[in-house]
Amino acid sequence: MRRRWKTIIGFAALGLVVALVLYVRALVYDYTKPISPVDQALGIASFIFCPPTLLLVLCIDCEITGWDGLIIFTIIGFLNAGLYAGIAAALVGLRNKIKD
């Protein structure tokens, strides 16, 4: 496999892993406790590293631990993987343009 495709697939896999980590965090997070500064920082970081999590706004009454949460986070994971792959493709294209 060519190096550029390895880079693009690697970035896409990273996007899936980021979404998976956010899903696991949502599963173990205790919503009954007050929000701490660390929770606020992690919330902001989640929107920076996984912008498709803004789709959770559409899922007002979804249970994260149920099938609804799994389906919505699967969609978020694939969208985030596509976003990361697009960024990687742009970076690879710029790198190849600079080489030439």
Protein backbone atom coordinates (compact mmCIF):
# COMPACT_ATOMS: atom_id res chain seq x y z
CA MET A 1 0.00 0.00 0.00
CA ARG A 2 1.29 3.42 -0.84
CA ARG A 3 2.42 5.74 1.91
CA ARG A 4 -0.28 8.34 1.30
CA TRP A 5 -3.09 5.79 1.66
CA LYS A 6 -1.53 4.51 4.87
CA THR A 7 -1.58 8.08 6.20
CA ILE A 8 -5.21 8.64 5.21
CA ILE A 9 -6.38 5.30 6.64
CA GLY A 10 -4.36 5.93 9.81
CA PHE A 11 -6.05 9.31 10.32
CA ALA A 12 -9.48 7.74 9.68
CA ALA A 13 -8.74 5.06 12.28
CA LEU A 14 -7.68 7.80 14.70
CA GLY A 15 -11.04 9.51 14.13
CA LEU A 16 -12.86 6.28 14.97
CA VAL A 17 -10.76 5.80 18.12
CA VAL A 18 -11.51 9.35 19.29
CA ALA A 19 -15.25 8.72 18.89
CA LEU A 20 -14.93 5.38 20.69
CA VAL A 21 -13.13 7.02 23.61
CA LEU A 22 -15.86 9.65 23.85
CA TYR A 23 -18.54 6.95 23.82
CA VAL A 24 -16.82 5.02 26.61
CA ARG A 25 -16.46 8.26 28.60
CA ALA A 26 -20.17 8.94 28.14
CA LEU A 27 -20.98 5.43 29.37
CA VAL A 28 -18.98 5.73 32.60
CA TYR A 29 -19.70 9.41 33.33
CA ASP A 30 -21.85 10.04 36.39
CA TYR A 31 -24.38 12.73 35.45
CA THR A 32 -25.68 13.04 39.01
CA LYS A 33 -22.50 14.73 40.26
CA PRO A 34 -21.79 18.44 39.76
CA ILE A 35 -19.65 19.37 36.78
CA SER A 36 -16.00 19.86 37.71
CA PRO A 37 -13.47 21.99 35.81
CA VAL A 38 -11.91 18.80 34.44
CA ASP A 39 -15.31 17.73 33.06
CA GLN A 40 -15.72 21.15 31.44
CA ALA A 41 -12.27 20.93 29.85
CA LEU A 42 -12.99 17.41 28.56
CA GLY A 43 -16.30 18.59 27.13
CA ILE A 44 -14.63 21.39 25.22
CA ALA A 45 -11.89 19.02 24.02
CA SER A 46 -14.51 16.57 22.80
CA PHE A 47 -16.04 19.23 20.53
CA ILE A 48 -12.60 20.18 19.23
CA PHE A 49 -11.38 16.65 18.48
CA CYS A 50 -14.78 15.24 17.44
CA PRO A 51 -17.01 17.97 15.93
CA PRO A 52 -19.73 15.48 14.90
CA THR A 53 -20.59 15.12 18.61
CA LEU A 54 -22.66 18.24 18.06
CA LEU A 55 -25.19 15.80 16.54
CA LEU A 56 -26.00 14.74 20.10
CA VAL A 57 -28.13 17.88 20.26
CA LEU A 58 -30.58 16.06 17.96
CA CYS A 59 -30.75 13.14 20.37
CA ILE A 60 -32.44 14.85 23.30
CA ASP A 61 -34.15 11.81 24.78
CA CYS A 62 -31.60 9.13 23.83
CA GLU A 63 -30.18 6.79 26.40
CA ILE A 64 -26.42 6.65 25.86
CA THR A 65 -26.31 3.17 27.39
CA GLY A 66 -29.00 1.79 25.08
CA TRP A 67 -29.25 1.07 21.37
CA ASP A 68 -30.01 4.72 20.62
CA GLY A 69 -26.67 5.81 22.05
CA LEU A 70 -24.80 3.07 20.21
CA ILE A 71 -26.40 4.00 16.89
CA ILE A 72 -25.81 7.73 17.29
CA PHE A 73 -22.17 7.20 18.33
CA THR A 74 -21.63 4.82 15.40
CA ILE A 75 -22.81 7.58 13.07
CA ILE A 76 -20.63 10.11 14.92
CA GLY A 77 -17.65 7.74 14.64
CA PHE A 78 -18.00 7.33 10.88
CA LEU A 79 -18.48 11.07 10.38
CA ASN A 80 -15.42 11.80 12.50
CA ALA A 81 -13.40 9.19 10.58
CA GLY A 82 -14.45 10.85 7.32
CA LEU A 83 -13.48 14.25 8.68
CA TYR A 84 -10.06 13.01 9.77
CA ALA A 85 -9.55 11.23 6.43
CA GLY A 86 -10.43 14.43 4.57
CA ILE A 87 -7.94 16.40 6.64
CA ALA A 88 -5.29 13.74 5.97
CA ALA A 89 -6.01 13.80 2.23
CA ALA A 90 -5.60 17.58 2.21
CA LEU A 91 -2.32 17.33 4.11
CA VAL A 92 -1.01 14.61 1.81
CA GLY A 93 -2.01 16.69 -1.21
CA LEU A 94 -0.19 19.72 0.17
CA ARG A 95 2.86 17.61 0.98
CA ASN A 96 2.95 16.22 -2.57
CA LYS A 97 2.48 19.70 -4.03
CA ILE A 98 5.40 21.04 -2.00
CA LYS A 99 7.63 18.11 -3.09
CA ASP A 100 7.02 18.83 -6.76
